[in-house]
C-alpha atoms as a PDB file:
ATOM      1  CA  MET A   1      80.078  36.876 160.969  1.00  0.00           C
ATOM      2  CA  LEU A   2      81.832  38.244 164.007  1.00  0.00           C
ATOM      3  CA  LEU A   3      80.182  39.940 166.968  1.00  0.00           C
ATOM      4  CA  PHE A   4      81.751  42.994 168.605  1.00  0.00           C
ATOM      5  CA  ARG A   5      80.736  45.103 171.571  1.00  0.00           C
ATOM      6  CA  SER A   6      81.505  48.493 169.989  1.00  0.00           C
ATOM      7  CA  GLU A   7      82.792  50.283 166.896  1.00  0.00           C
ATOM      8  CA  GLU A   8      86.094  50.779 168.723  1.00  0.00           C
ATOM      9  CA  HIS A   9      86.335  47.026 169.242  1.00  0.00           C
ATOM     10  CA  VAL A  10      85.834  46.512 165.494  1.00  0.00           C
ATOM     11  CA  GLU A  11      88.675  48.961 164.769  1.00  0.00           C
ATOM     12  CA  ARG A  12      91.043  47.291 167.256  1.00  0.00           C
ATOM     13  CA  TRP A  13      90.273  43.816 165.933  1.00  0.00           C
ATOM     14  CA  SER A  14      90.782  44.898 162.324  1.00  0.00           C
ATOM     15  CA  GLU A  15      94.103  46.549 163.118  1.00  0.00           C
ATOM     16  CA  SER A  16      95.400  43.678 165.260  1.00  0.00           C
ATOM     17  CA  HIS A  17      94.521  41.094 162.579  1.00  0.00           C
ATOM     18  CA  GLY A  18      95.716  43.164 159.627  1.00  0.00           C
ATOM     19  CA  MET A  19      92.247  43.002 158.079  1.00  0.00           C
ATOM     20  CA  PRO A  20      90.324  45.803 156.421  1.00  0.00           C
ATOM     21  CA  ARG A  21      87.245  46.852 158.297  1.00  0.00           C
ATOM     22  CA  GLY A  22      84.109  45.325 156.842  1.00  0.00           C
ATOM     23  CA  GLU A  23      80.467  46.253 157.139  1.00  0.00           C
ATOM     24  CA  THR A  24      78.790  46.329 160.530  1.00  0.00           C
ATOM     25  CA  MET A  25      75.188  45.993 161.618  1.00  0.00           C
ATOM     26  CA  SER A  26      73.420  46.181 164.941  1.00  0.00           C
ATOM     27  CA  LEU A  27      71.948  43.158 166.682  1.00  0.00           C
ATOM     28  CA  GLU A  28      68.525  44.600 165.899  1.00  0.00           C
ATOM     29  CA  GLN A  29      69.387  44.685 162.189  1.00  0.00           C
ATOM     30  CA  GLN A  30      70.718  41.127 162.360  1.00  0.00           C
ATOM     31  CA  TRP A  31      67.523  39.916 164.006  1.00  0.00           C
ATOM     32  CA  ALA A  32      65.296  41.776 161.524  1.00  0.00           C
ATOM     33  CA  LEU A  33      67.235  40.368 158.571  1.00  0.00           C
ATOM     34  CA  ALA A  34      67.135  36.829 160.010  1.00  0.00           C
ATOM     35  CA  GLU A  35      63.343  37.078 160.389  1.00  0.00           C
ATOM     36  CA  LYS A  36      62.948  38.312 156.820  1.00  0.00           C
ATOM     37  CA  TRP A  37      65.447  35.839 155.382  1.00  0.00           C
ATOM     38  CA  TYR A  38      64.474  32.667 157.259  1.00  0.00           C
ATOM     39  CA  GLY A  39      60.924  33.392 158.471  1.00  0.00           C
ATOM     40  CA  ASP A  40      59.258  31.463 155.648  1.00  0.00           C
ATOM     41  CA  ARG A  41      61.956  28.867 155.060  1.00  0.00           C
ATOM     42  CA  MET A  42      59.829  25.931 156.233  1.00  0.00           C
ATOM     43  CA  GLU A  43      56.778  26.879 154.153  1.00  0.00           C
ATOM     44  CA  PRO A  44      55.875  24.361 151.421  1.00  0.00           C
ATOM     45  CA  GLY A  45      56.018  27.007 148.696  1.00  0.00           C
ATOM     46  CA  TRP A  46      59.395  28.398 149.761  1.00  0.00           C
ATOM     47  CA  ARG A  47      61.794  29.328 146.975  1.00  0.00           C
ATOM     48  CA  ARG A  48      65.123  31.046 146.830  1.00  0.00           C
ATOM     49  CA  ARG A  49      64.860  34.833 146.823  1.00  0.00           C
ATOM     50  CA  THR A  50      65.579  36.750 143.686  1.00  0.00           C
ATOM     51  CA  PRO A  51      68.337  39.376 143.849  1.00  0.00           C
ATOM     52  CA  GLU A  52      65.599  42.034 143.846  1.00  0.00           C
ATOM     53  CA  GLU A  53      63.849  40.406 146.818  1.00  0.00           C
ATOM     54  CA  ALA A  54      67.138  40.092 148.675  1.00  0.00           C
ATOM     55  CA  HIS A  55      67.907  43.748 148.009  1.00  0.00           C
ATOM     56  CA  ALA A  56      64.450  44.720 149.328  1.00  0.00           C
ATOM     57  CA  ALA A  57      65.093  42.712 152.522  1.00  0.00           C
ATOM     58  CA  PHE A  58      68.433  44.458 153.023  1.00  0.00           C
ATOM     59  CA  GLU A  59      66.852  47.878 152.478  1.00  0.00           C
ATOM     60  CA  ALA A  60      64.028  47.074 154.912  1.00  0.00           C
ATOM     61  CA  CYS A  61      66.713  46.466 157.551  1.00  0.00           C
ATOM     62  CA  ASP A  62      68.550  49.705 156.677  1.00  0.00           C
ATOM     63  CA  LEU A  63      71.436  47.795 155.076  1.00  0.00           C
ATOM     64  CA  THR A  64      72.071  50.050 152.098  1.00  0.00           C
ATOM     65  CA  GLY A  65      75.805  50.495 151.465  1.00  0.00           C
ATOM     66  CA  ALA A  66      77.758  49.174 148.502  1.00  0.00           C
ATOM     67  CA  PHE A  67      78.441  45.902 150.370  1.00  0.00           C
ATOM     68  CA  TRP A  68      74.724  45.064 150.263  1.00  0.00           C
ATOM     69  CA  ARG A  69      74.300  45.521 146.518  1.00  0.00           C
ATOM     70  CA  LEU A  70      74.210  42.190 144.739  1.00  0.00           C
ATOM     71  CA  THR A  71      74.927  43.491 141.249  1.00  0.00           C
END
């Protein structure tokens, strides 16, 4: 994961490194996803999320493009 200060910065970085532009998310989305993904990690009954549960977490954070589909 790389952090950028703006969409323009993402474009410049991608061009200067010869890399296609990937998906972006806001810091708020990153924080929300981290809370959903890791919030219960230390619980005794923790288990790996199913693809459906992961997809629901992505959708709850407004991460809905093709990149976020696991199938």
